[in-house]
């Protein structure tokens, strides 16, 4: 055997570094890691965030050309070839980087932002996010994330009576986003039905049937991806038809499952929605739960958006039947207003939570469970190093209680319903659905516009309104036609803001039609006044 000195080559350190390893550590890193740079950066950031929160400017988003932004960001990077002292903290450079970030970000704190399901956050939760980033507690394992794993249990306790489940009889784990939560739940369903699939891969069953999943016609695109990710295959995804409210049509869904069985498919999981991304529709959960029981299928509910309605006494009835699901998830970073990503995944049967990922590793799991290992969630989710985002939710709940979430959600849904009523009363607008949540799709019909140009108009409206930067709306395609879509996430928005935004839609539409050579206009009766006193001020 060779002597160790012949196997391991000695490491030669520069004299300056070698001296620093004896008693002092690496002093050269102090400017980056020390408290002076942090204090300076924190002061600069606090001043800019305070100005952001205090601003009353109406903004949506200010888009910059990608290559121009690339050049601007590159110019803010230290030039190591020129700056020999690159480790020094440059406060001006830091301020410029923050300015660039804030300038190019979506303006979720502005009353002009009505586009997407990204939320402004309770500010104190963002402060806590800073602390947890500097003093991390990886949340998958108890020894590394003690408070995070305890917070999981505390939040589950708060939700138990709201769901209608008895505390301690179900399991809740947190994941980084609903895409991962949905996949985890379907994977647990697959492993329950196909017990050997984890080891042997997905194969046809002994009777030749192929495993399949069924999802709603408006399911989020991440849900349809699951089949490919877990080895089921896109050809084994059953799209369930929708009714005129864009919910899963129960009778037609039953027929679709019958037809799937006749084709040799074994549907082991039905994925319903409680808040579709397109319009916020909630599927008929009690009926789908009965359908799942009939076929021996697992019912998972993607409640990423509307699952938070559980915290509201007035909105909770809209989720009737959620308690019958085998699993469901909700995004706290959407409609519980905490920093992303924080998704809660609930299992009605606690034993099901460990079914998704049965493999263990000795460097993180102990062979025998003790009181600590019973608290950790690492065995129940895909993530190893997971940020303790649950602490942001627990912090806000601990400080303000459930009523904070309830009050904001109630207001946003009421505002959306009033917007629906306002637009329905306008002769040059049409609403696509009665909102079940804080999402509303609508169309604008200027007089003289050919019907076949309607979708083109809405796409161009979205583009021009977004480019102007004052308001930000989104768009979605429904039944082959592009329509406008708004999502109310900011409790400072009032009906006055909505009316002003609609005025901008009309103005841009007139300009677009003029550019297209179409003589279009707005009738006098379209300029209706609708500003109830209860909505003239924000919540």
Protein backbone atom coordinates (compact mmCIF):
# COMPACT_ATOMS: atom_id res chain seq x y z
CA UNK A 1 0.00 0.00 0.00
CA UNK A 2 1.28 3.46 -0.87
CA UNK A 3 1.99 5.88 1.98
CA UNK A 4 -0.74 8.48 2.32
CA UNK A 5 1.65 11.24 1.46
CA UNK A 6 2.09 9.65 -1.96
CA UNK A 7 -1.65 9.40 -2.53
CA UNK A 8 -2.80 12.88 -1.49
CA UNK A 9 -0.90 15.76 -2.98
CA UNK A 10 -0.21 18.65 -0.61
CA UNK A 11 -2.26 21.81 -1.13
CA UNK A 12 -0.16 24.88 -1.64
CA UNK A 13 -1.92 28.03 -0.40
CA UNK A 14 -0.78 31.58 -1.11
CA UNK A 15 1.01 33.05 1.86
CA UNK A 16 -1.70 35.69 2.36
CA UNK A 17 -4.41 33.05 2.50
CA UNK A 18 -2.36 30.60 4.55
CA UNK A 19 -1.77 33.21 7.22
CA UNK A 20 -5.46 33.98 7.40
CA UNK A 21 -6.37 30.39 8.14
CA UNK A 22 -4.61 30.53 11.50
CA UNK A 23 -6.77 32.28 14.05
CA UNK A 24 -8.57 34.82 11.85
CA UNK A 25 -10.29 32.96 9.03
CA UNK A 26 -10.50 34.55 5.60
CA UNK A 27 -10.57 38.28 6.31
CA UNK A 28 -10.70 39.02 2.60
CA UNK A 29 -14.36 38.00 2.53
CA UNK A 30 -15.39 40.39 5.31
CA UNK A 31 -16.60 43.16 2.96
CA UNK A 32 -19.10 40.72 1.41
CA UNK A 33 -20.11 38.78 4.52
CA UNK A 34 -19.67 41.41 7.23
CA UNK A 35 -22.27 43.44 9.07
CA UNK A 36 -21.15 46.76 7.60
CA UNK A 37 -22.18 45.84 4.04
CA UNK A 38 -25.42 44.33 5.34
CA UNK A 39 -26.32 47.42 7.34
CA UNK A 40 -25.66 49.67 4.38
CA UNK A 41 -27.63 47.45 1.99
CA UNK A 42 -30.52 47.15 4.42
CA UNK A 43 -30.75 50.91 4.82
CA UNK A 44 -30.83 51.43 1.06
CA UNK A 45 -33.39 48.64 0.51
CA UNK A 46 -35.64 49.83 3.34
CA UNK A 47 -35.75 53.34 1.91
CA UNK A 48 -36.69 52.09 -1.55
CA UNK A 49 -39.31 49.62 -0.31
CA UNK A 50 -40.86 52.30 1.90
CA UNK A 51 -41.18 54.54 -1.14
CA UNK A 52 -42.69 51.64 -3.11
CA UNK A 53 -45.35 50.98 -0.47
CA UNK A 54 -46.15 54.68 -0.08
CA UNK A 55 -46.49 55.35 -3.80
CA UNK A 56 -49.94 56.11 -5.18
CA UNK A 57 -48.81 56.06 -8.81
CA UNK A 58 -51.02 54.03 -11.13
CA UNK A 59 -48.76 51.51 -12.84
CA UNK A 60 -49.07 48.05 -14.32
CA UNK A 61 -45.74 47.00 -15.78
CA UNK A 62 -43.05 48.78 -17.76
CA UNK A 63 -41.60 46.45 -20.36
CA UNK A 64 -38.10 47.00 -21.70
CA UNK A 65 -36.55 45.41 -24.75
CA UNK A 66 -34.74 42.22 -23.63
CA UNK A 67 -31.39 43.14 -25.19
CA UNK A 68 -31.52 46.64 -23.71
CA UNK A 69 -32.22 45.16 -20.29
CA UNK A 70 -29.44 42.64 -20.78
CA UNK A 71 -27.01 45.47 -21.50
CA UNK A 72 -28.23 47.50 -18.53
CA UNK A 73 -27.83 44.55 -16.17
CA UNK A 74 -24.40 43.69 -17.59
CA UNK A 75 -23.21 47.25 -17.01
CA UNK A 76 -23.92 46.86 -13.29
CA UNK A 77 -21.61 43.87 -12.90
CA UNK A 78 -18.18 44.43 -11.42
CA UNK A 79 -15.38 44.32 -14.00
CA UNK A 80 -12.85 42.05 -12.34
CA UNK A 81 -10.24 42.88 -14.96
CA UNK A 82 -10.35 46.55 -13.96
CA UNK A 83 -11.50 46.52 -10.35
CA UNK A 84 -8.83 44.67 -8.39
CA UNK A 85 -10.78 45.29 -5.18
CA UNK A 86 -13.97 43.68 -6.40
CA UNK A 87 -14.86 42.41 -2.93
CA UNK A 88 -15.56 45.93 -1.68
CA UNK A 89 -19.26 46.67 -1.22
CA UNK A 90 -20.37 49.37 -3.63
CA UNK A 91 -23.48 50.99 -2.16
CA UNK A 92 -24.20 52.97 -5.32
CA UNK A 93 -24.02 49.85 -7.46
CA UNK A 94 -26.35 48.05 -5.07
CA UNK A 95 -28.84 50.94 -5.21
CA UNK A 96 -28.72 50.91 -9.01
CA UNK A 97 -29.39 47.15 -9.07
CA UNK A 98 -32.41 47.59 -6.81
CA UNK A 99 -33.68 50.41 -9.02
CA UNK A 100 -33.37 48.21 -12.08
CA UNK A 101 -35.24 45.37 -10.33
CA UNK A 102 -38.07 47.59 -9.14
CA UNK A 103 -38.36 49.42 -12.45
CA UNK A 104 -38.73 46.24 -14.49
CA UNK A 105 -40.95 44.32 -12.08
CA UNK A 106 -44.72 43.96 -12.20
CA UNK A 107 -46.32 46.62 -10.01
CA UNK A 108 -48.28 44.35 -7.70
CA UNK A 109 -48.66 47.15 -5.13
CA UNK A 110 -50.24 49.56 -7.60
CA UNK A 111 -53.93 50.05 -8.31
CA UNK A 112 -53.17 49.68 -12.02
CA UNK A 113 -52.16 46.04 -11.64
CA UNK A 114 -55.08 43.74 -12.48
CA UNK A 115 -53.39 41.12 -14.63
CA UNK A 116 -52.29 37.94 -12.92
CA UNK A 117 -52.38 35.81 -9.81
CA UNK A 118 -49.16 37.22 -8.40
CA UNK A 119 -49.92 38.97 -5.15
CA UNK A 120 -48.61 41.88 -3.18
CA UNK A 121 -47.52 40.45 0.16
CA UNK A 122 -48.14 41.36 3.76
CA UNK A 123 -44.98 43.47 4.25
CA UNK A 124 -44.02 41.99 7.60
CA UNK A 125 -43.82 38.56 5.98
CA UNK A 126 -41.25 39.91 3.52
CA UNK A 127 -39.17 41.19 6.43
CA UNK A 128 -39.29 37.72 7.95
CA UNK A 129 -38.27 36.29 4.57
CA UNK A 130 -35.11 38.37 4.81
CA UNK A 131 -34.32 36.97 8.25
CA UNK A 132 -34.97 33.37 7.18
CA UNK A 133 -32.71 33.85 4.14
CA UNK A 134 -29.81 35.02 6.30
CA UNK A 135 -30.43 32.49 9.07
CA UNK A 136 -31.77 29.55 7.02
CA UNK A 137 -33.79 26.67 8.35
CA UNK A 138 -34.09 24.11 5.51
CA UNK A 139 -37.62 22.95 6.12
CA UNK A 140 -37.58 19.32 5.06
CA UNK A 141 -35.78 17.98 8.15
CA UNK A 142 -36.46 18.70 11.78
CA UNK A 143 -32.86 19.05 12.94
CA UNK A 144 -32.23 21.74 10.32
CA UNK A 145 -35.64 23.42 10.33
CA UNK A 146 -37.20 22.97 13.74
CA UNK A 147 -39.62 25.90 13.77
CA UNK A 148 -40.60 25.35 10.13
CA UNK A 149 -41.66 21.77 10.82
CA UNK A 150 -43.56 22.84 13.92
CA UNK A 151 -45.27 25.59 11.88
CA UNK A 152 -46.51 22.93 9.45
CA UNK A 153 -48.38 21.31 12.33
CA UNK A 154 -49.72 24.63 13.62
CA UNK A 155 -51.08 25.71 10.23
CA UNK A 156 -52.64 22.26 9.76
CA UNK A 157 -54.38 22.72 13.12
CA UNK A 158 -55.81 26.06 11.96
CA UNK A 159 -57.14 24.56 8.74
CA UNK A 160 -58.64 21.41 10.29
CA UNK A 161 -61.99 22.91 11.38
CA UNK A 162 -62.17 24.98 8.19
CA UNK A 163 -61.87 21.87 6.01
CA UNK A 164 -64.09 19.76 8.23
CA UNK A 165 -61.39 17.25 9.08
CA UNK A 166 -60.49 16.29 12.62
CA UNK A 167 -57.11 17.60 13.74
CA UNK A 168 -54.48 14.89 13.84
CA UNK A 169 -56.30 12.60 11.41
CA UNK A 170 -54.85 14.06 8.20
CA UNK A 171 -51.47 15.19 6.89
CA UNK A 172 -50.30 18.51 5.48
CA UNK A 173 -46.92 19.15 3.87
CA UNK A 174 -45.59 22.25 2.17
CA UNK A 175 -44.11 22.37 -1.31
CA UNK A 176 -42.58 25.04 -3.52
CA UNK A 177 -45.57 25.66 -5.75
CA UNK A 178 -48.77 23.93 -6.81
CA UNK A 179 -47.13 22.40 -9.88
CA UNK A 180 -44.99 20.31 -7.55
CA UNK A 181 -47.86 19.70 -5.11
CA UNK A 182 -50.17 18.42 -7.85
CA UNK A 183 -47.49 16.12 -9.22
CA UNK A 184 -46.70 14.81 -5.72
CA UNK A 185 -50.35 13.96 -5.04
CA UNK A 186 -50.82 12.20 -8.39
CA UNK A 187 -47.60 10.30 -7.78
CA UNK A 188 -48.98 9.11 -4.44
CA UNK A 189 -52.15 8.02 -6.24
CA UNK A 190 -50.11 6.17 -8.87
CA UNK A 191 -48.05 4.36 -6.27
CA UNK A 192 -51.18 3.34 -4.38
CA UNK A 193 -52.79 1.84 -7.48
CA UNK A 194 -49.59 0.56 -9.13
CA UNK A 195 -47.67 -0.72 -6.14
CA UNK A 196 -44.61 -1.87 -8.12
CA UNK A 197 -44.31 1.22 -10.29
CA UNK A 198 -41.70 2.92 -8.10
CA UNK A 199 -39.30 0.00 -8.55
CA UNK A 200 -40.30 -1.49 -11.88
CA UNK A 201 -41.67 1.52 -13.74
CA UNK A 202 -45.17 2.03 -15.11
CA UNK A 203 -46.41 -1.01 -16.98
CA UNK A 204 -49.79 -2.26 -18.20
CA UNK A 205 -51.69 -4.17 -15.57
CA UNK A 206 -52.11 -7.95 -15.62
CA UNK A 207 -55.40 -7.61 -17.50
CA UNK A 208 -53.74 -5.37 -20.11
CA UNK A 209 -55.29 -2.11 -18.98
CA UNK A 210 -53.07 0.97 -19.17
CA UNK A 211 -52.97 3.44 -16.25
CA UNK A 212 -54.48 6.85 -16.97
CA UNK A 213 -55.51 10.08 -15.29
CA UNK A 214 -58.53 12.32 -15.96
CA UNK A 215 -58.36 16.12 -15.79
CA UNK A 216 -60.72 18.97 -16.54
CA UNK A 217 -60.71 20.66 -19.92
CA UNK A 218 -59.45 23.88 -18.32
CA UNK A 219 -56.83 22.24 -16.10
CA UNK A 220 -53.60 24.18 -15.64
CA UNK A 221 -50.92 23.18 -18.13
CA UNK A 222 -48.73 21.89 -15.31
CA UNK A 223 -51.43 19.33 -14.48
CA UNK A 224 -51.44 17.92 -18.01
CA UNK A 225 -47.65 17.64 -17.85
CA UNK A 226 -47.84 15.28 -14.87
CA UNK A 227 -48.67 12.26 -17.02
CA UNK A 228 -45.47 12.67 -18.97
CA UNK A 229 -43.37 13.34 -15.89
CA UNK A 230 -44.48 10.27 -13.93
CA UNK A 231 -44.41 7.87 -16.86
CA UNK A 232 -48.13 7.60 -17.65
CA UNK A 233 -47.84 9.34 -21.01
CA UNK A 234 -49.92 12.08 -22.60
CA UNK A 235 -51.94 9.55 -24.60
CA UNK A 236 -53.35 8.32 -21.29
CA UNK A 237 -54.72 11.73 -20.22
CA UNK A 238 -58.54 11.92 -20.36
CA UNK A 239 -59.83 15.45 -20.88
CA UNK A 240 -63.17 15.83 -19.12
CA UNK A 241 -65.72 18.03 -20.95
CA UNK A 242 -66.88 21.34 -19.48
CA UNK A 243 -70.33 22.80 -18.96
CA UNK A 244 -71.39 26.33 -19.87
CA UNK A 245 -69.80 27.62 -16.64
CA UNK A 246 -66.48 26.03 -17.66
CA UNK A 247 -66.70 23.50 -14.85
CA UNK A 248 -66.30 19.76 -15.40
CA UNK A 249 -69.61 18.50 -16.81
CA UNK A 250 -70.46 15.62 -14.48
CA UNK A 251 -72.69 13.60 -16.81
CA UNK A 252 -70.31 13.93 -19.75
CA UNK A 253 -67.37 13.17 -17.46
CA UNK A 254 -69.06 9.92 -16.45
CA UNK A 255 -69.45 9.04 -20.12
CA UNK A 256 -65.80 9.92 -20.79
CA UNK A 257 -64.68 7.57 -18.02
CA UNK A 258 -66.88 4.80 -19.43
CA UNK A 259 -65.37 5.30 -22.87
CA UNK A 260 -61.86 5.31 -21.38
CA UNK A 261 -62.52 1.99 -19.67
CA UNK A 262 -63.81 0.54 -22.94
CA UNK A 263 -60.50 1.56 -24.56
CA UNK A 264 -58.56 -0.37 -21.94
CA UNK A 265 -57.62 2.59 -19.72
CA UNK A 266 -57.59 2.39 -15.93
CA UNK A 267 -58.17 5.89 -14.54
CA UNK A 268 -56.50 5.81 -11.14
CA UNK A 269 -56.72 9.56 -10.45
CA UNK A 270 -59.18 12.34 -11.25
CA UNK A 271 -57.78 15.87 -10.92
CA UNK A 272 -60.47 18.49 -10.35
CA UNK A 273 -60.04 22.24 -9.94
CA UNK A 274 -61.17 24.71 -7.33
CA UNK A 275 -60.27 27.85 -9.19
CA UNK A 276 -59.21 27.33 -12.80
CA UNK A 277 -56.52 29.67 -14.05
CA UNK A 278 -58.62 30.91 -16.97
CA UNK A 279 -61.76 32.09 -15.12
CA UNK A 280 -61.51 30.82 -11.52
CA UNK A 281 -64.20 28.14 -11.95
CA UNK A 282 -64.80 25.58 -9.22
CA UNK A 283 -65.65 22.07 -10.37
CA UNK A 284 -68.65 20.22 -8.81
CA UNK A 285 -66.59 18.51 -6.13
CA UNK A 286 -69.27 16.37 -4.39
CA UNK A 287 -70.34 14.82 -7.70
CA UNK A 288 -66.75 14.24 -8.81
CA UNK A 289 -65.94 12.64 -5.45
CA UNK A 290 -68.82 10.22 -6.01
CA UNK A 291 -67.57 9.51 -9.53
CA UNK A 292 -64.07 8.84 -8.20
CA UNK A 293 -65.43 6.41 -5.61
CA UNK A 294 -67.36 4.57 -8.31
CA UNK A 295 -64.16 3.96 -10.27
CA UNK A 296 -61.94 3.41 -7.27
CA UNK A 297 -59.95 6.48 -8.30
CA UNK A 298 -58.11 8.99 -6.18
CA UNK A 299 -59.64 12.50 -6.26
CA UNK A 300 -57.11 15.30 -6.14
CA UNK A 301 -58.23 18.94 -6.26
CA UNK A 302 -55.96 21.62 -7.64
CA UNK A 303 -57.20 24.42 -5.39
CA UNK A 304 -54.09 26.53 -5.86
CA UNK A 305 -56.12 29.70 -6.30
CA UNK A 306 -59.46 29.26 -4.54
CA UNK A 307 -58.40 26.86 -1.78
CA UNK A 308 -57.71 29.88 0.39
CA UNK A 309 -61.46 30.50 0.47
CA UNK A 310 -61.41 28.10 3.41
CA UNK A 311 -60.38 31.00 5.66
CA UNK A 312 -63.52 33.02 4.78
CA UNK A 313 -66.88 32.26 6.38
CA UNK A 314 -68.71 33.72 3.39
CA UNK A 315 -66.57 32.12 0.65
CA UNK A 316 -65.99 28.70 2.23
CA UNK A 317 -69.35 27.26 1.06
CA UNK A 318 -68.13 27.62 -2.53
CA UNK A 319 -65.67 24.81 -1.77
CA UNK A 320 -68.37 22.35 -0.74
CA UNK A 321 -67.08 18.84 -1.30
CA UNK A 322 -63.41 19.69 -0.87
CA UNK A 323 -63.45 17.67 2.34
CA UNK A 324 -64.27 14.58 0.25
CA UNK A 325 -61.05 14.79 -1.77
CA UNK A 326 -58.20 12.39 -1.13
CA UNK A 327 -55.84 15.33 -1.49
CA UNK A 328 -55.86 19.00 -2.42
CA UNK A 329 -53.43 21.90 -2.50
CA UNK A 330 -53.62 25.67 -2.14
CA UNK A 331 -51.11 28.42 -2.83
CA UNK A 332 -50.54 30.68 0.15
CA UNK A 333 -48.40 32.89 -2.09
CA UNK A 334 -51.46 33.65 -4.21
CA UNK A 335 -54.49 34.32 -2.08
CA UNK A 336 -52.99 34.27 1.41
CA UNK A 337 -50.60 37.05 0.35
CA UNK A 338 -47.22 35.78 1.55
CA UNK A 339 -43.94 35.55 -0.39
CA UNK A 340 -43.59 32.81 -2.97
CA UNK A 341 -43.38 29.92 -3.03
CA UNK A 342 -45.60 28.51 -0.30
CA UNK A 343 -48.05 25.75 -1.20
CA UNK A 344 -49.98 23.60 1.26
CA UNK A 345 -50.70 20.00 0.22
CA UNK A 346 -53.34 18.18 2.27
CA UNK A 347 -53.95 14.42 2.43
CA UNK A 348 -57.17 13.10 3.96
CA UNK A 349 -55.41 9.84 4.85
CA UNK A 350 -52.13 10.67 6.64
CA UNK A 351 -50.54 7.40 5.53
CA UNK A 352 -50.89 8.49 1.90
CA UNK A 353 -48.42 11.32 2.35
CA UNK A 354 -45.43 8.99 2.46
CA UNK A 355 -46.56 6.99 -0.57
CA UNK A 356 -45.28 9.46 -3.15
CA UNK A 357 -41.58 9.01 -2.38
CA UNK A 358 -40.92 5.69 -0.62
CA UNK A 359 -37.15 5.80 -1.06
CA UNK A 360 -34.99 6.84 1.93
CA UNK A 361 -31.35 7.83 2.37
CA UNK A 362 -29.25 7.19 5.47
CA UNK A 363 -27.69 10.66 5.51
CA UNK A 364 -31.02 12.31 6.23
CA UNK A 365 -33.34 9.61 7.56
CA UNK A 366 -32.93 7.54 10.72
CA UNK A 367 -33.88 3.84 10.67
CA UNK A 368 -36.22 4.25 13.65
CA UNK A 369 -38.76 7.03 14.04
CA UNK A 370 -38.67 9.23 17.10
CA UNK A 371 -40.60 12.34 18.11
CA UNK A 372 -38.41 14.53 15.91
CA UNK A 373 -38.60 12.44 12.77
CA UNK A 374 -42.38 12.31 13.12
CA UNK A 375 -42.42 16.08 12.64
CA UNK A 376 -40.26 16.34 9.54
CA UNK A 377 -41.69 16.33 6.04
CA UNK A 378 -38.66 15.35 3.95
CA UNK A 379 -39.90 11.84 3.32
CA UNK A 380 -43.22 13.23 2.07
CA UNK A 381 -42.02 15.69 -0.55
CA UNK A 382 -39.52 15.88 -3.39
CA UNK A 383 -37.47 18.74 -2.03
CA UNK A 384 -34.41 18.36 0.18
CA UNK A 385 -33.25 21.94 0.65
CA UNK A 386 -36.59 23.70 0.95
CA UNK A 387 -37.01 27.28 2.07
CA UNK A 388 -39.14 27.60 5.24
CA UNK A 389 -41.87 29.55 3.44
CA UNK A 390 -44.48 28.15 5.81
CA UNK A 391 -43.02 30.45 8.46
CA UNK A 392 -44.15 33.51 6.47
CA UNK A 393 -47.72 32.24 6.62
CA UNK A 394 -47.48 31.22 10.28
CA UNK A 395 -45.98 34.62 11.16
CA UNK A 396 -48.84 36.57 9.58
CA UNK A 397 -51.42 34.23 11.11
CA UNK A 398 -49.74 34.53 14.53
CA UNK A 399 -49.63 38.34 14.35
CA UNK A 400 -53.00 39.14 12.75
CA UNK A 401 -55.11 35.97 12.83
CA UNK A 402 -57.36 34.46 10.19
CA UNK A 403 -59.50 37.58 9.81
CA UNK A 404 -56.80 39.46 7.91
CA UNK A 405 -56.90 36.90 5.10
CA UNK A 406 -60.69 36.71 5.24
CA UNK A 407 -61.20 40.46 5.01
CA UNK A 408 -58.91 40.87 2.01
CA UNK A 409 -60.32 37.88 0.14
CA UNK A 410 -63.90 38.95 0.75
CA UNK A 411 -63.11 42.40 -0.58
CA UNK A 412 -61.35 41.17 -3.72
CA UNK A 413 -64.18 38.80 -4.62
CA UNK A 414 -66.81 41.49 -3.97
CA UNK A 415 -64.85 43.94 -6.13
CA UNK A 416 -64.73 41.39 -8.95
CA UNK A 417 -68.47 40.78 -8.70
CA UNK A 418 -69.18 44.51 -8.85
CA UNK A 419 -66.90 44.79 -11.88
CA UNK A 420 -68.91 42.01 -13.50
CA UNK A 421 -72.15 43.90 -12.86
CA UNK A 422 -70.70 47.13 -14.17
CA UNK A 423 -69.44 45.59 -17.41
CA UNK A 424 -72.64 43.60 -17.91
CA UNK A 425 -74.53 46.90 -17.90
CA UNK A 426 -72.34 48.42 -20.63
CA UNK A 427 -73.71 48.00 -24.18
CA UNK A 428 -70.20 47.75 -25.67
CA UNK A 429 -68.90 45.09 -23.25
CA UNK A 430 -69.83 41.49 -22.50
CA UNK A 431 -68.85 39.31 -19.56
CA UNK A 432 -67.90 35.70 -20.19
CA UNK A 433 -69.00 34.24 -16.86
CA UNK A 434 -70.32 35.03 -13.41
CA UNK A 435 -67.15 35.15 -11.29
CA UNK A 436 -66.73 32.54 -8.59
CA UNK A 437 -63.49 34.14 -7.44
CA UNK A 438 -61.45 37.28 -8.10
CA UNK A 439 -60.98 36.51 -11.81
CA UNK A 440 -63.18 37.95 -14.57
CA UNK A 441 -63.01 37.53 -18.35
CA UNK A 442 -64.74 40.01 -20.62
CA UNK A 443 -64.87 41.32 -24.17
CA UNK A 444 -65.16 44.78 -25.71
CA UNK A 445 -67.33 45.31 -28.80
CA UNK A 446 -66.85 48.76 -30.36
CA UNK A 447 -69.63 49.68 -32.72
CA UNK A 448 -68.65 48.83 -36.28
CA UNK A 449 -66.00 46.21 -35.45
CA UNK A 450 -66.47 43.00 -37.47
CA UNK A 451 -67.03 40.00 -35.23
CA UNK A 452 -64.14 38.11 -36.81
CA UNK A 453 -61.72 40.82 -35.63
CA UNK A 454 -62.77 40.58 -31.98
CA UNK A 455 -59.93 38.30 -30.86
CA UNK A 456 -57.38 40.41 -32.74
CA UNK A 457 -58.71 43.52 -31.00
CA UNK A 458 -58.35 42.02 -27.54
CA UNK A 459 -54.80 40.88 -28.16
CA UNK A 460 -53.84 44.31 -29.45
CA UNK A 461 -55.66 45.94 -26.52
CA UNK A 462 -53.63 43.88 -24.08
CA UNK A 463 -50.43 44.81 -25.88
CA UNK A 464 -51.09 48.55 -26.07
CA UNK A 465 -52.41 48.91 -22.54
CA UNK A 466 -49.44 46.96 -21.22
CA UNK A 467 -46.99 49.00 -23.31
CA UNK A 468 -48.38 52.27 -22.02
CA UNK A 469 -47.58 51.05 -18.51
CA UNK A 470 -50.47 52.58 -16.58
CA UNK A 471 -52.70 49.50 -16.41
CA UNK A 472 -51.92 45.84 -16.79
CA UNK A 473 -54.54 43.31 -17.93
CA UNK A 474 -54.01 39.76 -19.11
CA UNK A 475 -55.71 37.75 -21.84
CA UNK A 476 -56.84 34.18 -22.29
CA UNK A 477 -58.32 32.15 -25.11
CA UNK A 478 -61.80 30.79 -24.45
CA UNK A 479 -63.41 28.58 -27.08
CA UNK A 480 -60.95 29.77 -29.68
CA UNK A 481 -61.43 33.51 -29.07
CA UNK A 482 -58.95 35.76 -27.24
CA UNK A 483 -60.69 37.67 -24.43
CA UNK A 484 -59.50 40.12 -21.80
CA UNK A 485 -58.93 38.90 -18.25
CA UNK A 486 -58.49 40.72 -14.99
CA UNK A 487 -57.43 39.33 -11.63
CA UNK A 488 -58.07 41.42 -8.52
CA UNK A 489 -55.19 40.93 -6.07
CA UNK A 490 -54.76 44.40 -4.61
CA UNK A 491 -57.15 45.50 -1.84
CA UNK A 492 -56.41 49.18 -2.60
CA UNK A 493 -58.22 49.00 -5.96
CA UNK A 494 -61.68 50.59 -6.02
CA UNK A 495 -64.47 50.72 -8.57
CA UNK A 496 -63.20 54.17 -9.54
CA UNK A 497 -59.98 52.50 -10.67
CA UNK A 498 -61.97 49.91 -12.61
CA UNK A 499 -63.99 52.60 -14.37
CA UNK A 500 -60.85 54.50 -15.30
CA UNK A 501 -59.30 51.30 -16.64
CA UNK A 502 -62.38 50.61 -18.77
CA UNK A 503 -62.10 54.13 -20.12
CA UNK A 504 -58.56 53.31 -21.22
CA UNK A 505 -59.82 50.16 -22.94
CA UNK A 506 -62.32 52.22 -24.90
CA UNK A 507 -59.72 54.85 -25.84
CA UNK A 508 -57.22 52.30 -27.08
CA UNK A 509 -59.93 50.43 -28.96
CA UNK A 510 -60.90 53.58 -30.84
CA UNK A 511 -57.26 54.17 -31.77
CA UNK A 512 -56.77 50.55 -32.87
CA UNK A 513 -59.89 50.61 -35.01
CA UNK A 514 -58.75 53.88 -36.57
CA UNK A 515 -55.37 52.33 -37.35
CA UNK A 516 -57.20 49.42 -38.97
CA UNK A 517 -59.36 51.76 -41.02
CA UNK A 518 -62.52 50.73 -39.18
CA UNK A 519 -65.05 53.42 -38.29
CA UNK A 520 -65.80 52.26 -34.74
CA UNK A 521 -67.04 54.19 -31.79
CA UNK A 522 -68.73 54.13 -28.40
CA UNK A 523 -72.38 55.02 -28.07
CA UNK A 524 -73.34 57.76 -25.66
CA UNK A 525 -75.23 55.39 -23.40
CA UNK A 526 -72.06 53.35 -22.92
CA UNK A 527 -70.58 56.00 -20.64
CA UNK A 528 -72.54 54.87 -17.60
CA UNK A 529 -71.72 55.94 -14.08
CA UNK A 530 -71.30 53.17 -11.58
CA UNK A 531 -69.53 54.15 -8.36
CA UNK A 532 -71.29 52.86 -5.26
CA UNK A 533 -70.21 54.62 -2.08
CA UNK A 534 -69.09 51.38 -0.51
CA UNK A 535 -66.47 50.98 -3.24
CA UNK A 536 -65.21 54.57 -3.55
CA UNK A 537 -62.48 53.79 -1.02
CA UNK A 538 -60.20 50.76 -0.77
CA UNK A 539 -60.76 48.10 1.84
